[in-house]
């Protein structure tokens, strides 16, 4: 069918339970609920998520496990995220198509089918909001820390190509923060300069200036220590490509010095009335 929705979201561990999130993170909780509502309206066949906590070396991994099931205790925060059950279906077919598309442009992409593999909290926290009933198949992607931003952007372009050509209704989600110079104290904001960089990058996304956002990303990633070195953002920008989207900026909040924005990107569709037949023609605009 198509790529129906793309998301940028965060995954601070304090967000695992909405009723336990501090007041200053409530904008993120509200944004999660808005993203979930849109997903429920779209009724997608599959959700593909790249997590800045699924960090790998050398290769890009595509989780083709048919049933993602287990219990997560986060190594970074075992006091906050402990023994959390999850049980989501997977999509072997789409995972294979994604890996094949990566290999077509010489990107080292590998599928794996391992029922003992346990998700990271960068995947599980947003999914508990996006798909609380665990009834939508999920394909998880890694952030390859050996890959350049350019390679990751190209990988995102291939992901977007596969999702747009798929017979299934698809959602792509990128899980990770922008500014990420972490400090002790969840209430801490990014520094003034880091926040200014976050604000500028967010503005470019709101305005649909994805080429400018891509041009900014390399220096931004270094200056603000963007999570995963900016790779989860590079993949998202590659997925968005040259297509025009209605970008909804849903919220932003701090978490231990990191900046956590939430976005929903929906393709802009022109609806034109045929003068003779009364039929509706749909066309997606491109830049």
Protein backbone atom coordinates (compact mmCIF):
# COMPACT_ATOMS: atom_id res chain seq x y z
CA UNK A 1 0.00 0.00 0.00
CA UNK A 2 2.33 2.78 1.17
CA UNK A 3 4.31 4.56 3.81
CA UNK A 4 1.45 6.14 5.74
CA UNK A 5 3.26 7.69 8.68
CA UNK A 6 6.76 8.41 9.97
CA UNK A 7 7.55 9.22 13.59
CA UNK A 8 10.39 10.67 15.60
CA UNK A 9 10.07 9.82 19.27
CA UNK A 10 12.05 9.43 22.47
CA UNK A 11 12.43 6.67 25.02
CA UNK A 12 13.61 8.08 28.35
CA UNK A 13 13.27 5.28 30.94
CA UNK A 14 11.10 7.46 33.16
CA UNK A 15 8.48 7.34 30.39
CA UNK A 16 7.89 3.61 30.70
CA UNK A 17 4.86 4.24 32.94
CA UNK A 18 2.89 7.35 32.00
CA UNK A 19 1.53 7.80 35.51
CA UNK A 20 5.06 7.87 36.95
CA UNK A 21 6.58 10.40 34.54
CA UNK A 22 7.60 13.71 36.15
CA UNK A 23 5.57 16.81 35.33
CA UNK A 24 8.27 18.28 33.08
CA UNK A 25 8.06 15.19 30.83
CA UNK A 26 4.29 15.26 30.45
CA UNK A 27 4.57 16.97 27.01
CA UNK A 28 6.30 13.78 25.83
CA UNK A 29 3.65 11.53 27.36
CA UNK A 30 0.93 13.59 25.64
CA UNK A 31 2.85 13.37 22.36
CA UNK A 32 3.08 9.59 22.72
CA UNK A 33 -0.69 9.43 23.14
CA UNK A 34 -1.18 11.54 20.00
CA UNK A 35 1.11 9.25 18.03
CA UNK A 36 -0.73 6.19 19.31
CA UNK A 37 -4.11 7.66 18.34
CA UNK A 38 -2.89 8.30 14.79
CA UNK A 39 -1.55 4.76 14.51
CA UNK A 40 -4.88 3.39 15.72
CA UNK A 41 -6.69 5.46 13.08
CA UNK A 42 -4.41 4.25 10.28
CA UNK A 43 -4.54 0.57 11.29
CA UNK A 44 -1.15 -0.25 9.74
CA UNK A 45 -0.11 -3.76 8.80
CA UNK A 46 3.42 -3.35 10.15
CA UNK A 47 5.59 -0.91 12.09
CA UNK A 48 9.33 -0.60 11.38
CA UNK A 49 11.40 0.99 14.15
CA UNK A 50 15.07 1.98 14.33
CA UNK A 51 16.36 2.31 17.87
CA UNK A 52 19.37 4.34 18.98
CA UNK A 53 19.82 1.75 21.73
CA UNK A 54 20.12 -1.18 19.32
CA UNK A 55 23.76 -0.35 18.57
CA UNK A 56 25.75 -2.73 16.37
CA UNK A 57 29.18 -2.85 14.72
CA UNK A 58 30.02 -3.56 11.09
CA UNK A 59 26.54 -4.54 9.91
CA UNK A 60 22.99 -3.18 9.84
CA UNK A 61 20.71 -5.76 11.45
CA UNK A 62 17.07 -6.36 10.56
CA UNK A 63 15.10 -8.41 13.08
CA UNK A 64 13.17 -11.04 11.13
CA UNK A 65 12.04 -12.99 14.19
CA UNK A 66 8.39 -14.04 13.63
CA UNK A 67 7.42 -13.48 17.28
CA UNK A 68 9.21 -11.00 19.53
CA UNK A 69 8.70 -12.31 23.04
CA UNK A 70 10.57 -11.95 26.29
CA UNK A 71 11.23 -9.90 29.41
CA UNK A 72 13.37 -6.77 29.41
CA UNK A 73 15.55 -5.62 32.26
CA UNK A 74 17.52 -2.62 31.01
CA UNK A 75 21.23 -2.81 31.74
CA UNK A 76 21.44 0.97 32.01
CA UNK A 77 18.46 1.28 34.40
CA UNK A 78 17.65 -2.07 36.07
CA UNK A 79 15.98 -0.21 38.92
CA UNK A 80 13.53 1.55 36.58
CA UNK A 81 13.00 -1.01 33.81
CA UNK A 82 12.93 -4.52 35.23
CA UNK A 83 11.26 -7.72 34.06
CA UNK A 84 8.99 -5.94 31.55
CA UNK A 85 7.15 -8.48 29.37
CA UNK A 86 6.63 -8.00 25.64
CA UNK A 87 5.00 -10.17 22.98
CA UNK A 88 4.72 -8.65 19.49
CA UNK A 89 4.39 -10.41 16.14
CA UNK A 90 7.13 -9.86 13.56
CA UNK A 91 7.18 -9.74 9.76
CA UNK A 92 9.76 -12.06 8.18
CA UNK A 93 8.75 -11.14 4.64
CA UNK A 94 9.19 -7.39 5.03
CA UNK A 95 12.42 -7.87 6.99
CA UNK A 96 13.85 -9.88 4.09
CA UNK A 97 12.78 -7.21 1.59
CA UNK A 98 14.48 -4.50 3.65
CA UNK A 99 17.75 -6.43 3.92
CA UNK A 100 17.70 -7.18 0.20
CA UNK A 101 17.21 -3.48 -0.59
CA UNK A 102 20.22 -2.58 1.54
CA UNK A 103 22.42 -5.11 -0.20
CA UNK A 104 21.36 -3.75 -3.59
CA UNK A 105 23.30 -0.55 -2.83
CA UNK A 106 26.22 -2.39 -1.18
CA UNK A 107 25.09 -1.74 2.40
CA UNK A 108 25.95 -4.68 4.70
CA UNK A 109 22.47 -5.60 5.89
CA UNK A 110 21.71 -8.87 7.63
CA UNK A 111 18.47 -10.41 8.86
CA UNK A 112 18.36 -12.53 11.98
CA UNK A 113 15.72 -14.83 13.41
CA UNK A 114 16.47 -15.37 17.07
CA UNK A 115 13.61 -15.87 19.54
CA UNK A 116 15.95 -15.42 22.52
CA UNK A 117 16.94 -11.91 21.44
CA UNK A 118 15.66 -9.30 23.95
CA UNK A 119 14.67 -5.85 22.74
CA UNK A 120 16.29 -2.71 24.13
CA UNK A 121 14.27 -0.05 25.94
CA UNK A 122 14.72 2.36 23.03
CA UNK A 123 12.41 0.00 21.18
CA UNK A 124 10.10 -1.15 23.95
CA UNK A 125 9.29 2.19 25.61
CA UNK A 126 7.77 3.83 22.49
CA UNK A 127 6.09 0.59 21.39
CA UNK A 128 4.25 0.32 24.71
CA UNK A 129 2.59 3.61 23.74
CA UNK A 130 2.33 3.10 19.97
CA UNK A 131 0.91 -0.44 20.08
CA UNK A 132 -0.23 -1.14 23.64
CA UNK A 133 -2.27 -4.16 22.58
CA UNK A 134 0.80 -5.77 20.95
CA UNK A 135 -1.30 -6.55 17.88
CA UNK A 136 0.73 -4.94 15.06
CA UNK A 137 3.78 -6.73 13.61
CA UNK A 138 7.09 -5.01 14.29
CA UNK A 139 10.44 -5.06 12.48
CA UNK A 140 13.32 -3.65 14.54
CA UNK A 141 16.43 -2.14 12.90
CA UNK A 142 19.81 -1.47 14.44
CA UNK A 143 21.95 1.67 14.37
CA UNK A 144 25.27 0.58 12.90
CA UNK A 145 27.96 2.61 14.65
CA UNK A 146 30.54 1.68 12.02
CA UNK A 147 28.42 3.27 9.31
CA UNK A 148 28.81 6.90 8.33
CA UNK A 149 25.86 9.26 8.40
CA UNK A 150 25.93 9.13 4.59
CA UNK A 151 25.64 5.34 4.56
CA UNK A 152 22.85 5.47 7.14
CA UNK A 153 21.00 8.11 5.09
CA UNK A 154 21.27 5.86 2.01
CA UNK A 155 19.99 2.95 4.10
CA UNK A 156 17.04 5.14 5.10
CA UNK A 157 16.34 5.91 1.45
CA UNK A 158 16.23 2.18 0.70
CA UNK A 159 13.94 1.58 3.68
CA UNK A 160 11.60 4.30 2.43
CA UNK A 161 11.66 2.81 -1.08
CA UNK A 162 10.64 -0.61 0.23
CA UNK A 163 7.89 0.75 2.48
CA UNK A 164 6.38 2.91 -0.28
CA UNK A 165 6.33 -0.06 -2.66
CA UNK A 166 4.96 -2.50 -0.09
CA UNK A 167 1.50 -3.96 -0.42
CA UNK A 168 1.14 -3.33 3.28
CA UNK A 169 0.23 -0.17 5.16
CA UNK A 170 3.42 0.79 6.95
CA UNK A 171 4.64 3.10 9.70
CA UNK A 172 8.30 4.00 10.22
CA UNK A 173 9.49 5.14 13.66
CA UNK A 174 12.86 6.54 14.73
CA UNK A 175 13.55 6.28 18.46
CA UNK A 176 16.16 8.60 19.95
CA UNK A 177 17.01 12.03 21.30
CA UNK A 178 18.62 15.04 19.67
CA UNK A 179 21.07 16.78 22.06
CA UNK A 180 22.47 14.02 24.25
CA UNK A 181 25.26 15.26 26.50
CA UNK A 182 23.90 13.42 29.51
CA UNK A 183 24.13 14.78 33.04
CA UNK A 184 22.94 13.50 36.39
CA UNK A 185 19.50 14.81 37.18
CA UNK A 186 16.54 13.95 34.96
CA UNK A 187 15.24 17.51 35.26
CA UNK A 188 18.32 18.98 33.55
CA UNK A 189 17.80 20.63 30.16
CA UNK A 190 20.41 20.65 27.39
CA UNK A 191 22.78 23.63 27.58
CA UNK A 192 21.63 26.89 26.01
CA UNK A 193 23.76 26.31 22.91
CA UNK A 194 22.59 22.70 22.56
CA UNK A 195 18.97 23.76 22.98
CA UNK A 196 19.46 26.43 20.30
CA UNK A 197 20.74 23.77 17.92
CA UNK A 198 17.80 21.49 18.79
CA UNK A 199 15.39 24.37 18.16
CA UNK A 200 16.93 25.14 14.76
CA UNK A 201 16.82 21.50 13.68
CA UNK A 202 13.22 21.17 14.84
CA UNK A 203 12.33 24.31 12.89
CA UNK A 204 13.78 22.82 9.70
CA UNK A 205 11.69 19.68 10.17
CA UNK A 206 8.54 21.70 10.83
CA UNK A 207 9.15 23.70 7.64
CA UNK A 208 9.78 20.57 5.59
CA UNK A 209 13.36 21.62 4.77
CA UNK A 210 14.73 18.09 4.90
CA UNK A 211 17.70 18.87 2.64
CA UNK A 212 18.75 21.66 5.01
CA UNK A 213 18.22 19.37 8.00
CA UNK A 214 20.43 16.77 6.34
CA UNK A 215 23.09 19.40 5.62
CA UNK A 216 23.00 20.50 9.27
CA UNK A 217 23.09 17.02 10.79
CA UNK A 218 26.85 16.21 10.66
CA UNK A 219 28.00 19.32 12.55
CA UNK A 220 24.91 19.30 14.77
CA UNK A 221 25.59 15.70 15.76
CA UNK A 222 29.10 16.58 16.93
CA UNK A 223 28.27 19.92 18.60
CA UNK A 224 25.27 18.59 20.57
CA UNK A 225 26.39 14.94 20.81
CA UNK A 226 23.16 13.79 19.14
CA UNK A 227 22.20 10.30 20.28
CA UNK A 228 23.63 7.45 18.19
CA UNK A 229 25.83 10.06 16.51
CA UNK A 230 22.73 11.17 14.63
CA UNK A 231 22.29 7.84 12.83
CA UNK A 232 18.66 7.29 13.82
CA UNK A 233 17.95 10.82 12.50
CA UNK A 234 19.89 10.18 9.27
CA UNK A 235 17.80 7.06 8.68
CA UNK A 236 14.60 9.04 9.26
CA UNK A 237 15.66 11.79 6.84
CA UNK A 238 16.50 9.13 4.27
CA UNK A 239 13.05 7.59 4.68
CA UNK A 240 11.38 11.00 4.29
CA UNK A 241 13.44 11.68 1.15
CA UNK A 242 12.14 14.35 -1.22
CA UNK A 243 8.48 13.71 -0.47
CA UNK A 244 6.39 16.44 1.15
CA UNK A 245 4.91 15.68 4.53
CA UNK A 246 2.63 17.40 6.97
CA UNK A 247 5.04 17.60 9.89
CA UNK A 248 3.35 17.83 13.27
CA UNK A 249 5.67 18.87 16.11
CA UNK A 250 4.02 17.26 19.11
CA UNK A 251 6.26 18.06 22.04
CA UNK A 252 9.72 18.38 23.55
CA UNK A 253 11.11 17.79 27.02
CA UNK A 254 14.36 17.16 28.81
CA UNK A 255 15.76 14.03 30.35
CA UNK A 256 19.12 14.21 32.10
CA UNK A 257 20.45 16.88 29.77
CA UNK A 258 19.05 15.36 26.58
CA UNK A 259 16.52 16.99 24.25
CA UNK A 260 13.58 14.80 23.28
CA UNK A 261 11.31 15.96 20.45
CA UNK A 262 8.28 14.14 19.09
CA UNK A 263 7.12 14.42 15.48
CA UNK A 264 4.55 12.84 13.20
CA UNK A 265 5.10 13.07 9.44
CA UNK A 266 2.16 12.31 7.16
CA UNK A 267 2.44 12.37 3.35
CA UNK A 268 0.68 15.32 1.77
CA UNK A 269 -1.92 14.09 -0.71
CA UNK A 270 -3.65 16.27 -3.32
CA UNK A 271 -7.32 15.47 -3.78
CA UNK A 272 -8.67 16.78 -7.08
CA UNK A 273 -12.23 16.43 -8.30
CA UNK A 274 -12.62 15.07 -11.84
CA UNK A 275 -15.00 17.40 -13.74
CA UNK A 276 -16.59 14.65 -15.81
CA UNK A 277 -16.78 11.61 -13.62
CA UNK A 278 -16.92 13.01 -10.11
CA UNK A 279 -14.16 10.59 -9.10
CA UNK A 280 -11.40 11.47 -6.65
CA UNK A 281 -7.78 11.33 -7.87
CA UNK A 282 -4.97 11.08 -5.33
CA UNK A 283 -1.43 12.23 -6.02
CA UNK A 284 1.47 12.72 -3.63
CA UNK A 285 3.47 15.90 -4.21
CA UNK A 286 7.25 15.78 -4.45
CA UNK A 287 9.83 18.47 -4.14
